[in-house]
Amino acid sequence: MFDYKLLAALAAVVEQAGFERAAQQLGLSQSAVSQRIKLLEARVGQPVLIRATPPAPTELGRQLLNHVQQVRLLERGLQGQVPSLDEERAPQRLRVAVNADSLATWWAAAVGAFCAEQGLLLDLVVEDQEVSLKRMRAGEVAACLCASERPVSGARSLALGAMRYRALANPAFMARHFANGVDGKALAQAPALVYGPDDTLQHRYVAALGLDGPFLHHLCPSSEGFMRMAEAGIGWGLVPELQVREQLGRGVLVELLPDNPLDVPLYWHYWRSGGQLLEQLTECLAVACRKVLIGQ
């Protein structure tokens, strides 16, 4: 039988990226949290944490974190069915991995009313849509937005639609770098904007135009900053259409190749045994995304 105080300590250390902040969250001393982790490891007979900066779960630790996430959600479902539990119900905190572009555009409007009605507190992990599924594999989140359709074991995936991206730059940048047109050779010399090491959108775009190799680029791990750098003429980049309609209308940004967008599918992944709250959130997203994403 699991001691859930020990599992809560493991979850806090991973989610808070360290023992000190985990202790603050749990209202314990740092040594008490460390003792709980050691006791958990003694009971299961092997390490559950890799003592690094930040601490990372071992394979067994990931399985235990998955279990904790699902138990939390199932408890919330029971609170709604058992009146004596419902009276003591505290706000539910749900840890979800969301890509920065969704967070900067449609996410808040899609879930705002639901969070208010359910008393739901979101603990958002910002991760690129290409790799956010690794957070579920690690047991760190209960759900995620991802570009991959195939779910991890024990989870479901739901196609929400696609985000449309357009390759944009400001007019001065276009005149400076693409006076003779946009092709692979010109793109190799014009600095691009890339969100981070896991962002492959610009790579896919230039490859489709015949550029098979490295290209100049800035790294900008901020959705808002990415757009501001494009507006300032620092580089060109693929930006969500939802984020730049005003700039396109005013001519602040222009397309490198008009009518040549890149559509990126988004899938919502969530645990099968995540309980009623996660099912309701899934239904909420499915309805909201029909209005804002492509293909719905």
C-alpha atoms as a PDB file:
ATOM      1  CA  MET A   1       0.000   0.000   0.000  1.00  0.00           C
ATOM      2  CA  PHE A   2       1.398   3.395  -0.946  1.00  0.00           C
ATOM      3  CA  ASP A   3       1.997   6.110   1.617  1.00  0.00           C
ATOM      4  CA  TYR A   4       0.681   9.113  -0.278  1.00  0.00           C
ATOM      5  CA  LYS A   5       2.600  11.593   1.855  1.00  0.00           C
ATOM      6  CA  LEU A   6       5.764  10.093   0.419  1.00  0.00           C
ATOM      7  CA  LEU A   7       4.412  10.217  -3.134  1.00  0.00           C
ATOM      8  CA  ALA A   8       3.344  13.837  -2.610  1.00  0.00           C
ATOM      9  CA  ALA A   9       6.930  14.652  -1.649  1.00  0.00           C
ATOM     10  CA  LEU A  10       8.221  13.035  -4.846  1.00  0.00           C
ATOM     11  CA  ALA A  11       5.701  14.950  -6.972  1.00  0.00           C
ATOM     12  CA  ALA A  12       6.557  18.240  -5.272  1.00  0.00           C
ATOM     13  CA  VAL A  13      10.310  17.831  -5.788  1.00  0.00           C
ATOM     14  CA  VAL A  14       9.872  17.138  -9.514  1.00  0.00           C
ATOM     15  CA  GLU A  15       7.167  19.740 -10.130  1.00  0.00           C
ATOM     16  CA  GLN A  16       8.964  22.454  -8.143  1.00  0.00           C
ATOM     17  CA  ALA A  17      12.378  21.520  -9.623  1.00  0.00           C
ATOM     18  CA  GLY A  18      14.093  21.160  -6.268  1.00  0.00           C
ATOM     19  CA  PHE A  19      13.869  20.219  -2.594  1.00  0.00           C
ATOM     20  CA  GLU A  20      13.769  23.772  -1.247  1.00  0.00           C
ATOM     21  CA  ARG A  21      10.718  24.888  -3.223  1.00  0.00           C
ATOM     22  CA  ALA A  22       9.061  21.504  -2.652  1.00  0.00           C
ATOM     23  CA  ALA A  23       9.449  22.048   1.082  1.00  0.00           C
ATOM     24  CA  GLN A  24       7.852  25.484   0.823  1.00  0.00           C
ATOM     25  CA  GLN A  25       4.910  24.073  -1.128  1.00  0.00           C
ATOM     26  CA  LEU A  26       4.340  21.254   1.364  1.00  0.00           C
ATOM     27  CA  GLY A  27       4.896  23.400   4.458  1.00  0.00           C
ATOM     28  CA  LEU A  28       7.782  21.184   5.610  1.00  0.00           C
ATOM     29  CA  SER A  29      11.476  21.589   6.228  1.00  0.00           C
ATOM     30  CA  GLN A  30      13.846  20.676   3.429  1.00  0.00           C
ATOM     31  CA  SER A  31      15.300  17.858   5.524  1.00  0.00           C
ATOM     32  CA  ALA A  32      11.791  16.457   6.113  1.00  0.00           C
ATOM     33  CA  VAL A  33      11.155  16.314   2.366  1.00  0.00           C
ATOM     34  CA  SER A  34      14.530  14.628   1.855  1.00  0.00           C
ATOM     35  CA  GLN A  35      13.674  12.062   4.525  1.00  0.00           C
ATOM     36  CA  ARG A  36      10.361  11.284   2.845  1.00  0.00           C
ATOM     37  CA  ILE A  37      12.099  10.662  -0.466  1.00  0.00           C
ATOM     38  CA  LYS A  38      14.653   8.398   1.242  1.00  0.00           C
ATOM     39  CA  LEU A  39      11.878   6.489   3.013  1.00  0.00           C
ATOM     40  CA  LEU A  40      10.001   6.046  -0.287  1.00  0.00           C
ATOM     41  CA  GLU A  41      13.172   4.718  -1.924  1.00  0.00           C
ATOM     42  CA  ALA A  42      13.743   2.349   0.989  1.00  0.00           C
ATOM     43  CA  ARG A  43      10.214   0.979   0.660  1.00  0.00           C
ATOM     44  CA  VAL A  44      10.351   0.425  -3.117  1.00  0.00           C
ATOM     45  CA  GLY A  45      13.924  -0.827  -2.973  1.00  0.00           C
ATOM     46  CA  GLN A  46      15.437   1.484  -5.587  1.00  0.00           C
ATOM     47  CA  PRO A  47      15.983   5.188  -6.369  1.00  0.00           C
ATOM     48  CA  VAL A  48      13.029   7.291  -7.479  1.00  0.00           C
ATOM     49  CA  LEU A  49      15.035  10.459  -8.134  1.00  0.00           C
ATOM     50  CA  ILE A  50      18.215  11.327  -9.985  1.00  0.00           C
ATOM     51  CA  ARG A  51      19.929  13.889  -7.744  1.00  0.00           C
ATOM     52  CA  ALA A  52      20.697  16.457 -10.433  1.00  0.00           C
ATOM     53  CA  THR A  53      19.845  20.125 -10.965  1.00  0.00           C
ATOM     54  CA  PRO A  54      16.915  20.025 -11.300  1.00  0.00           C
ATOM     55  CA  PRO A  55      16.123  16.591  -9.825  1.00  0.00           C
ATOM     56  CA  ALA A  56      14.730  14.154 -12.388  1.00  0.00           C
ATOM     57  CA  PRO A  57      12.636  11.033 -11.819  1.00  0.00           C
ATOM     58  CA  THR A  58      14.036   7.586 -12.507  1.00  0.00           C
ATOM     59  CA  GLU A  59      11.979   5.147 -14.573  1.00  0.00           C
ATOM     60  CA  LEU A  60      10.228   3.947 -11.402  1.00  0.00           C
ATOM     61  CA  GLY A  61       9.867   7.555 -10.301  1.00  0.00           C
ATOM     62  CA  ARG A  62       8.058   8.377 -13.556  1.00  0.00           C
ATOM     63  CA  GLN A  63       5.633   5.513 -12.991  1.00  0.00           C
ATOM     64  CA  LEU A  64       4.928   6.755  -9.477  1.00  0.00           C
ATOM     65  CA  LEU A  65       4.386  10.302 -10.747  1.00  0.00           C
ATOM     66  CA  ASN A  66       1.896   9.019 -13.319  1.00  0.00           C
ATOM     67  CA  HIS A  67       0.057   7.296 -10.500  1.00  0.00           C
ATOM     68  CA  VAL A  68      -0.005  10.462  -8.354  1.00  0.00           C
ATOM     69  CA  GLN A  69      -1.390  12.563 -11.216  1.00  0.00           C
ATOM     70  CA  GLN A  70      -4.226  10.132 -11.840  1.00  0.00           C
ATOM     71  CA  VAL A  71      -5.070   9.676  -8.145  1.00  0.00           C
ATOM     72  CA  ARG A  72      -5.398  13.448  -7.745  1.00  0.00           C
ATOM     73  CA  LEU A  73      -7.874  13.614 -10.602  1.00  0.00           C
ATOM     74  CA  LEU A  74      -9.882  10.618  -9.400  1.00  0.00           C
ATOM     75  CA  GLU A  75     -10.128  12.165  -5.927  1.00  0.00           C
ATOM     76  CA  ARG A  76     -11.604  15.290  -7.483  1.00  0.00           C
ATOM     77  CA  GLY A  77     -14.237  13.171  -9.210  1.00  0.00           C
ATOM     78  CA  LEU A  78     -15.174  11.504  -5.910  1.00  0.00           C
ATOM     79  CA  GLN A  79     -15.491  14.848  -4.158  1.00  0.00           C
ATOM     80  CA  GLY A  80     -18.328  15.757  -6.498  1.00  0.00           C
ATOM     81  CA  GLN A  81     -20.163  12.501  -5.697  1.00  0.00           C
ATOM     82  CA  VAL A  82     -19.657  12.252  -1.920  1.00  0.00           C
ATOM     83  CA  PRO A  83     -21.248  15.248  -0.145  1.00  0.00           C
ATOM     84  CA  SER A  84     -19.085  14.970   2.977  1.00  0.00           C
ATOM     85  CA  LEU A  85     -15.951  15.203   0.848  1.00  0.00           C
ATOM     86  CA  ASP A  86     -17.345  17.989  -1.298  1.00  0.00           C
ATOM     87  CA  GLU A  87     -17.758  20.250   1.742  1.00  0.00           C
ATOM     88  CA  GLU A  88     -14.011  20.149   2.318  1.00  0.00           C
ATOM     89  CA  ARG A  89     -13.066  20.427  -1.332  1.00  0.00           C
ATOM     90  CA  ALA A  90     -10.031  22.546  -2.042  1.00  0.00           C
ATOM     91  CA  PRO A  91      -9.308  23.977  -5.497  1.00  0.00           C
ATOM     92  CA  GLN A  92      -7.939  21.328  -7.856  1.00  0.00           C
ATOM     93  CA  ARG A  93      -4.528  22.037  -9.373  1.00  0.00           C
ATOM     94  CA  LEU A  94      -3.945  20.511 -12.801  1.00  0.00           C
ATOM     95  CA  ARG A  95      -0.497  20.369 -14.364  1.00  0.00           C
ATOM     96  CA  VAL A  96      -0.623  20.669 -18.166  1.00  0.00           C
ATOM     97  CA  ALA A  97       2.033  21.108 -20.869  1.00  0.00           C
ATOM     98  CA  VAL A  98       1.056  23.798 -23.413  1.00  0.00           C
ATOM     99  CA  ASN A  99       3.023  25.172 -26.338  1.00  0.00           C
ATOM    100  CA  ALA A 100       3.880  28.884 -26.174  1.00  0.00           C
ATOM    101  CA  ASP A 101       1.986  29.818 -29.342  1.00  0.00           C
ATOM    102  CA  SER A 102      -1.286  28.324 -28.094  1.00  0.00           C
ATOM    103  CA  LEU A 103      -0.773  30.066 -24.763  1.00  0.00           C
ATOM    104  CA  ALA A 104      -0.226  33.385 -26.570  1.00  0.00           C
ATOM    105  CA  THR A 105      -3.335  33.027 -28.735  1.00  0.00           C
ATOM    106  CA  TRP A 106      -6.376  30.811 -28.094  1.00  0.00           C
ATOM    107  CA  TRP A 107      -5.716  28.852 -24.880  1.00  0.00           C
ATOM    108  CA  ALA A 108      -6.887  31.383 -22.259  1.00  0.00           C
ATOM    109  CA  ALA A 109     -10.194  32.120 -23.976  1.00  0.00           C
ATOM    110  CA  ALA A 110     -10.829  28.389 -24.424  1.00  0.00           C
ATOM    111  CA  VAL A 111     -10.409  27.416 -20.767  1.00  0.00           C
ATOM    112  CA  GLY A 112     -11.143  30.626 -18.855  1.00  0.00           C
ATOM    113  CA  ALA A 113     -14.826  30.023 -18.090  1.00  0.00           C
ATOM    114  CA  PHE A 114     -14.204  26.353 -17.304  1.00  0.00           C
ATOM    115  CA  CYS A 115     -11.506  27.188 -14.736  1.00  0.00           C
ATOM    116  CA  ALA A 116     -13.799  29.700 -13.039  1.00  0.00           C
ATOM    117  CA  GLU A 117     -16.761  27.307 -12.901  1.00  0.00           C
ATOM    118  CA  GLN A 118     -14.726  24.354 -11.632  1.00  0.00           C
ATOM    119  CA  GLY A 119     -12.423  26.233  -9.275  1.00  0.00           C
ATOM    120  CA  LEU A 120      -9.530  24.815 -11.282  1.00  0.00           C
ATOM    121  CA  LEU A 121      -5.981  26.078 -10.853  1.00  0.00           C
ATOM    122  CA  LEU A 122      -3.670  25.434 -13.787  1.00  0.00           C
ATOM    123  CA  ASP A 123       0.021  24.702 -13.388  1.00  0.00           C
ATOM    124  CA  LEU A 124       1.197  25.285 -16.957  1.00  0.00           C
ATOM    125  CA  VAL A 125       4.446  23.887 -18.304  1.00  0.00           C
ATOM    126  CA  VAL A 126       5.441  25.741 -21.484  1.00  0.00           C
ATOM    127  CA  GLU A 127       6.905  23.255 -23.945  1.00  0.00           C
ATOM    128  CA  ASP A 128       7.236  23.085 -27.703  1.00  0.00           C
ATOM    129  CA  GLN A 129       4.402  21.148 -29.357  1.00  0.00           C
ATOM    130  CA  GLU A 130       6.949  18.830 -30.975  1.00  0.00           C
ATOM    131  CA  VAL A 131       8.250  17.483 -27.650  1.00  0.00           C
ATOM    132  CA  SER A 132       5.657  18.139 -24.935  1.00  0.00           C
ATOM    133  CA  LEU A 133       4.607  14.467 -24.943  1.00  0.00           C
ATOM    134  CA  LYS A 134       7.814  13.671 -23.079  1.00  0.00           C
ATOM    135  CA  ARG A 135       6.298  15.444 -20.071  1.00  0.00           C
ATOM    136  CA  MET A 136       3.509  12.869 -19.956  1.00  0.00           C
ATOM    137  CA  ARG A 137       5.939   9.997 -20.367  1.00  0.00           C
ATOM    138  CA  ALA A 138       7.830  11.382 -17.378  1.00  0.00           C
ATOM    139  CA  GLY A 139       4.635  11.565 -15.326  1.00  0.00           C
ATOM    140  CA  GLU A 140       5.051  15.319 -14.853  1.00  0.00           C
ATOM    141  CA  VAL A 141       1.729  16.404 -16.364  1.00  0.00           C
ATOM    142  CA  ALA A 142      -1.828  15.095 -16.557  1.00  0.00           C
ATOM    143  CA  ALA A 143      -2.330  16.319 -20.113  1.00  0.00           C
ATOM    144  CA  CYS A 144      -0.523  18.114 -22.925  1.00  0.00           C
ATOM    145  CA  LEU A 145      -0.868  19.763 -26.312  1.00  0.00           C
ATOM    146  CA  CYS A 146       1.267  17.946 -28.841  1.00  0.00           C
ATOM    147  CA  ALA A 147       1.892  17.694 -32.589  1.00  0.00           C
ATOM    148  CA  SER A 148       2.024  13.891 -32.363  1.00  0.00           C
ATOM    149  CA  GLU A 149      -1.167  11.846 -32.688  1.00  0.00           C
ATOM    150  CA  ARG A 150       0.031   8.652 -31.022  1.00  0.00           C
ATOM    151  CA  PRO A 151      -0.589   8.710 -27.243  1.00  0.00           C
ATOM    152  CA  VAL A 152       1.598   7.216 -24.563  1.00  0.00           C
ATOM    153  CA  SER A 153       0.454   4.033 -22.851  1.00  0.00           C
ATOM    154  CA  GLY A 154      -2.539   4.686 -20.622  1.00  0.00           C
ATOM    155  CA  ALA A 155      -3.533   7.910 -22.355  1.00  0.00           C
ATOM    156  CA  ARG A 156      -5.896   9.080 -25.097  1.00  0.00           C
ATOM    157  CA  SER A 157      -5.358  11.656 -27.836  1.00  0.00           C
ATOM    158  CA  LEU A 158      -7.931  13.945 -29.432  1.00  0.00           C
ATOM    159  CA  ALA A 159      -7.368  15.900 -32.653  1.00  0.00           C
ATOM    160  CA  LEU A 160      -8.186  19.557 -31.927  1.00  0.00           C
ATOM    161  CA  GLY A 161      -7.353  20.976 -35.352  1.00  0.00           C
ATOM    162  CA  ALA A 162      -4.314  22.780 -36.710  1.00  0.00           C
ATOM    163  CA  MET A 163      -2.631  26.105 -36.051  1.00  0.00           C
ATOM    164  CA  ARG A 164      -1.837  27.989 -39.239  1.00  0.00           C
ATOM    165  CA  TYR A 165       1.590  29.629 -39.388  1.00  0.00           C
ATOM    166  CA  ARG A 166       2.728  32.218 -41.900  1.00  0.00           C
ATOM    167  CA  ALA A 167       6.329  33.084 -42.777  1.00  0.00           C
ATOM    168  CA  LEU A 168       6.634  36.796 -42.061  1.00  0.00           C
ATOM    169  CA  ALA A 169       9.099  39.670 -41.944  1.00  0.00           C
ATOM    170  CA  ASN A 170       8.849  43.445 -41.928  1.00  0.00           C
ATOM    171  CA  PRO A 171       8.949  45.298 -45.283  1.00  0.00           C
ATOM    172  CA  ALA A 172      12.470  46.664 -44.762  1.00  0.00           C
ATOM    173  CA  PHE A 173      13.804  43.159 -44.052  1.00  0.00           C
ATOM    174  CA  MET A 174      12.085  41.895 -47.199  1.00  0.00           C
ATOM    175  CA  ALA A 175      13.687  44.628 -49.323  1.00  0.00           C
ATOM    176  CA  ARG A 176      17.096  43.976 -47.804  1.00  0.00           C
ATOM    177  CA  HIS A 177      17.188  40.187 -48.110  1.00  0.00           C
ATOM    178  CA  PHE A 178      14.599  39.181 -50.704  1.00  0.00           C
ATOM    179  CA  ALA A 179      14.776  41.874 -53.373  1.00  0.00           C
ATOM    180  CA  ASN A 180      15.165  39.168 -56.019  1.00  0.00           C
ATOM    181  CA  GLY A 181      12.583  36.815 -54.564  1.00  0.00           C
ATOM    182  CA  VAL A 182      12.394  34.138 -51.872  1.00  0.00           C
ATOM    183  CA  ASP A 183      14.228  30.891 -52.589  1.00  0.00           C
ATOM    184  CA  GLY A 184      16.566  28.500 -50.828  1.00  0.00           C
ATOM    185  CA  LYS A 185      19.673  30.541 -51.603  1.00  0.00           C
ATOM    186  CA  ALA A 186      18.179  33.781 -50.278  1.00  0.00           C
ATOM    187  CA  LEU A 187      16.863  32.042 -47.150  1.00  0.00           C
ATOM    188  CA  ALA A 188      20.340  30.668 -46.396  1.00  0.00           C
ATOM    189  CA  GLN A 189      21.628  34.250 -46.050  1.00  0.00           C
ATOM    190  CA  ALA A 190      18.639  35.881 -44.334  1.00  0.00           C
ATOM    191  CA  PRO A 191      18.607  35.429 -40.538  1.00  0.00           C
ATOM    192  CA  ALA A 192      15.584  33.525 -39.314  1.00  0.00           C
ATOM    193  CA  LEU A 193      13.907  33.475 -35.907  1.00  0.00           C
ATOM    194  CA  VAL A 194      13.741  30.122 -34.125  1.00  0.00           C
ATOM    195  CA  TYR A 195      11.902  29.654 -30.812  1.00  0.00           C
ATOM    196  CA  GLY A 196      14.336  27.129 -29.377  1.00  0.00           C
ATOM    197  CA  PRO A 197      16.337  23.945 -30.037  1.00  0.00           C
ATOM    198  CA  ASP A 198      13.144  21.876 -30.358  1.00  0.00           C
ATOM    199  CA  ASP A 199      11.470  24.272 -32.799  1.00  0.00           C
ATOM    200  CA  THR A 200      11.655  22.762 -36.293  1.00  0.00           C
ATOM    201  CA  LEU A 201       9.044  24.882 -38.091  1.00  0.00           C
ATOM    202  CA  GLN A 202      11.526  27.139 -39.871  1.00  0.00           C
ATOM    203  CA  HIS A 203      13.647  24.107 -40.795  1.00  0.00           C
ATOM    204  CA  ARG A 204      10.644  22.425 -42.421  1.00  0.00           C
ATOM    205  CA  TYR A 205       9.773  25.603 -44.286  1.00  0.00           C
ATOM    206  CA  VAL A 206      13.225  26.149 -45.796  1.00  0.00           C
ATOM    207  CA  ALA A 207      13.592  22.449 -46.626  1.00  0.00           C
ATOM    208  CA  ALA A 208      10.394  22.649 -48.683  1.00  0.00           C
ATOM    209  CA  LEU A 209      12.021  25.459 -50.669  1.00  0.00           C
ATOM    210  CA  GLY A 210      15.129  23.444 -51.459  1.00  0.00           C
ATOM    211  CA  LEU A 211      17.480  24.557 -48.672  1.00  0.00           C
ATOM    212  CA  ASP A 212      18.954  21.343 -47.290  1.00  0.00           C
ATOM    213  CA  GLY A 213      21.393  22.462 -44.646  1.00  0.00           C
ATOM    214  CA  PRO A 214      22.053  25.011 -41.896  1.00  0.00           C
ATOM    215  CA  PHE A 215      20.819  28.568 -42.075  1.00  0.00           C
ATOM    216  CA  LEU A 216      21.405  31.725 -40.067  1.00  0.00           C
ATOM    217  CA  HIS A 217      19.031  32.133 -37.155  1.00  0.00           C
ATOM    218  CA  HIS A 218      18.392  33.861 -33.852  1.00  0.00           C
ATOM    219  CA  LEU A 219      17.049  31.905 -30.853  1.00  0.00           C
ATOM    220  CA  CYS A 220      14.126  33.628 -29.134  1.00  0.00           C
ATOM    221  CA  PRO A 221      12.274  31.499 -26.514  1.00  0.00           C
ATOM    222  CA  SER A 222       9.319  33.885 -26.190  1.00  0.00           C
ATOM    223  CA  SER A 223       6.208  33.913 -28.355  1.00  0.00           C
ATOM    224  CA  GLU A 224       5.654  37.630 -27.783  1.00  0.00           C
ATOM    225  CA  GLY A 225       9.348  38.427 -28.213  1.00  0.00           C
ATOM    226  CA  PHE A 226       9.467  36.367 -31.404  1.00  0.00           C
ATOM    227  CA  MET A 227       6.809  38.549 -32.996  1.00  0.00           C
ATOM    228  CA  ARG A 228       8.429  41.776 -31.759  1.00  0.00           C
ATOM    229  CA  MET A 229      11.762  40.763 -33.281  1.00  0.00           C
ATOM    230  CA  ALA A 230      10.068  40.098 -36.602  1.00  0.00           C
ATOM    231  CA  GLU A 231       8.375  43.498 -36.437  1.00  0.00           C
ATOM    232  CA  ALA A 232      11.755  45.137 -35.744  1.00  0.00           C
ATOM    233  CA  GLY A 233      13.319  43.551 -38.820  1.00  0.00           C
ATOM    234  CA  ILE A 234      15.752  41.365 -36.886  1.00  0.00           C
ATOM    235  CA  GLY A 235      14.724  38.207 -38.708  1.00  0.00           C
ATOM    236  CA  TRP A 236      11.946  36.340 -40.483  1.00  0.00           C
ATOM    237  CA  GLY A 237       9.916  33.623 -38.840  1.00  0.00           C
ATOM    238  CA  LEU A 238       6.804  31.483 -38.840  1.00  0.00           C
ATOM    239  CA  VAL A 239       4.179  33.133 -36.652  1.00  0.00           C
ATOM    240  CA  PRO A 240       0.652  31.914 -35.797  1.00  0.00           C
ATOM    241  CA  GLU A 241      -1.910  33.591 -38.032  1.00  0.00           C
ATOM    242  CA  LEU A 242      -4.107  34.101 -34.954  1.00  0.00           C
ATOM    243  CA  GLN A 243      -1.388  36.296 -33.449  1.00  0.00           C
ATOM    244  CA  VAL A 244      -0.651  38.623 -36.355  1.00  0.00           C
ATOM    245  CA  ARG A 245      -3.872  39.448 -38.177  1.00  0.00           C
ATOM    246  CA  GLU A 246      -3.669  43.085 -37.102  1.00  0.00           C
ATOM    247  CA  GLN A 247      -0.010  43.421 -38.163  1.00  0.00           C
ATOM    248  CA  LEU A 248      -0.748  41.861 -41.537  1.00  0.00           C
ATOM    249  CA  GLY A 249      -3.694  44.181 -42.041  1.00  0.00           C
ATOM    250  CA  ARG A 250      -1.583  47.252 -41.285  1.00  0.00           C
ATOM    251  CA  GLY A 251       1.373  46.073 -43.363  1.00  0.00           C
ATOM    252  CA  VAL A 252       3.700  45.988 -40.357  1.00  0.00           C
ATOM    253  CA  LEU A 253       4.525  42.406 -41.356  1.00  0.00           C
ATOM    254  CA  VAL A 254       4.298  40.844 -44.814  1.00  0.00           C
ATOM    255  CA  GLU A 255       4.462  37.260 -46.034  1.00  0.00           C
ATOM    256  CA  LEU A 256       7.604  35.856 -47.592  1.00  0.00           C
ATOM    257  CA  LEU A 257       5.511  33.724 -49.918  1.00  0.00           C
ATOM    258  CA  PRO A 258       1.828  34.680 -49.946  1.00  0.00           C
ATOM    259  CA  ASP A 259      -0.637  31.794 -49.818  1.00  0.00           C
ATOM    260  CA  ASN A 260       2.060  29.376 -48.640  1.00  0.00           C
ATOM    261  CA  PRO A 261       1.161  28.775 -44.975  1.00  0.00           C
ATOM    262  CA  LEU A 262       2.289  25.894 -42.777  1.00  0.00           C
ATOM    263  CA  ASP A 263      -0.433  24.100 -40.801  1.00  0.00           C
ATOM    264  CA  VAL A 264       0.673  22.353 -37.610  1.00  0.00           C
ATOM    265  CA  PRO A 265      -1.768  19.784 -36.137  1.00  0.00           C
ATOM    266  CA  LEU A 266      -2.508  19.909 -32.435  1.00  0.00           C
ATOM    267  CA  TYR A 267      -3.576  16.904 -30.384  1.00  0.00           C
ATOM    268  CA  TRP A 268      -4.778  16.932 -26.804  1.00  0.00           C
ATOM    269  CA  HIS A 269      -3.322  14.024 -24.810  1.00  0.00           C
ATOM    270  CA  TYR A 270      -4.795  13.074 -21.436  1.00  0.00           C
ATOM    271  CA  TRP A 271      -4.792  10.106 -19.056  1.00  0.00           C
ATOM    272  CA  ARG A 272      -7.552   7.536 -19.548  1.00  0.00           C
ATOM    273  CA  SER A 273      -8.056   7.223 -15.789  1.00  0.00           C
ATOM    274  CA  GLY A 274      -7.884  10.977 -15.208  1.00  0.00           C
ATOM    275  CA  GLY A 275     -11.399  11.249 -13.839  1.00  0.00           C
ATOM    276  CA  GLN A 276     -14.387  13.458 -14.596  1.00  0.00           C
ATOM    277  CA  LEU A 277     -12.583  16.794 -14.384  1.00  0.00           C
ATOM    278  CA  LEU A 278     -10.102  15.892 -17.117  1.00  0.00           C
ATOM    279  CA  GLU A 279     -12.903  14.519 -19.304  1.00  0.00           C
ATOM    280  CA  GLN A 280     -14.854  17.755 -18.880  1.00  0.00           C
ATOM    281  CA  LEU A 281     -11.811  19.864 -19.715  1.00  0.00           C
ATOM    282  CA  THR A 282     -11.308  17.760 -22.831  1.00  0.00           C
ATOM    283  CA  GLU A 283     -14.906  18.378 -23.936  1.00  0.00           C
ATOM    284  CA  CYS A 284     -14.450  22.104 -23.278  1.00  0.00           C
ATOM    285  CA  LEU A 285     -11.345  22.245 -25.482  1.00  0.00           C
ATOM    286  CA  ALA A 286     -12.979  20.253 -28.268  1.00  0.00           C
ATOM    287  CA  VAL A 287     -15.847  22.759 -28.471  1.00  0.00           C
ATOM    288  CA  ALA A 288     -13.630  25.859 -28.214  1.00  0.00           C
ATOM    289  CA  CYS A 289     -11.129  24.689 -30.832  1.00  0.00           C
ATOM    290  CA  ARG A 290     -13.827  24.264 -33.477  1.00  0.00           C
ATOM    291  CA  LYS A 291     -14.003  28.067 -33.574  1.00  0.00           C
ATOM    292  CA  VAL A 292     -10.296  28.913 -33.684  1.00  0.00           C
ATOM    293  CA  LEU A 293      -8.268  26.115 -35.263  1.00  0.00           C
ATOM    294  CA  ILE A 294      -8.049  24.964 -38.881  1.00  0.00           C
ATOM    295  CA  GLY A 295      -9.906  21.832 -39.923  1.00  0.00           C
ATOM    296  CA  GLN A 296     -12.605  21.911 -37.246  1.00  0.00           C
END
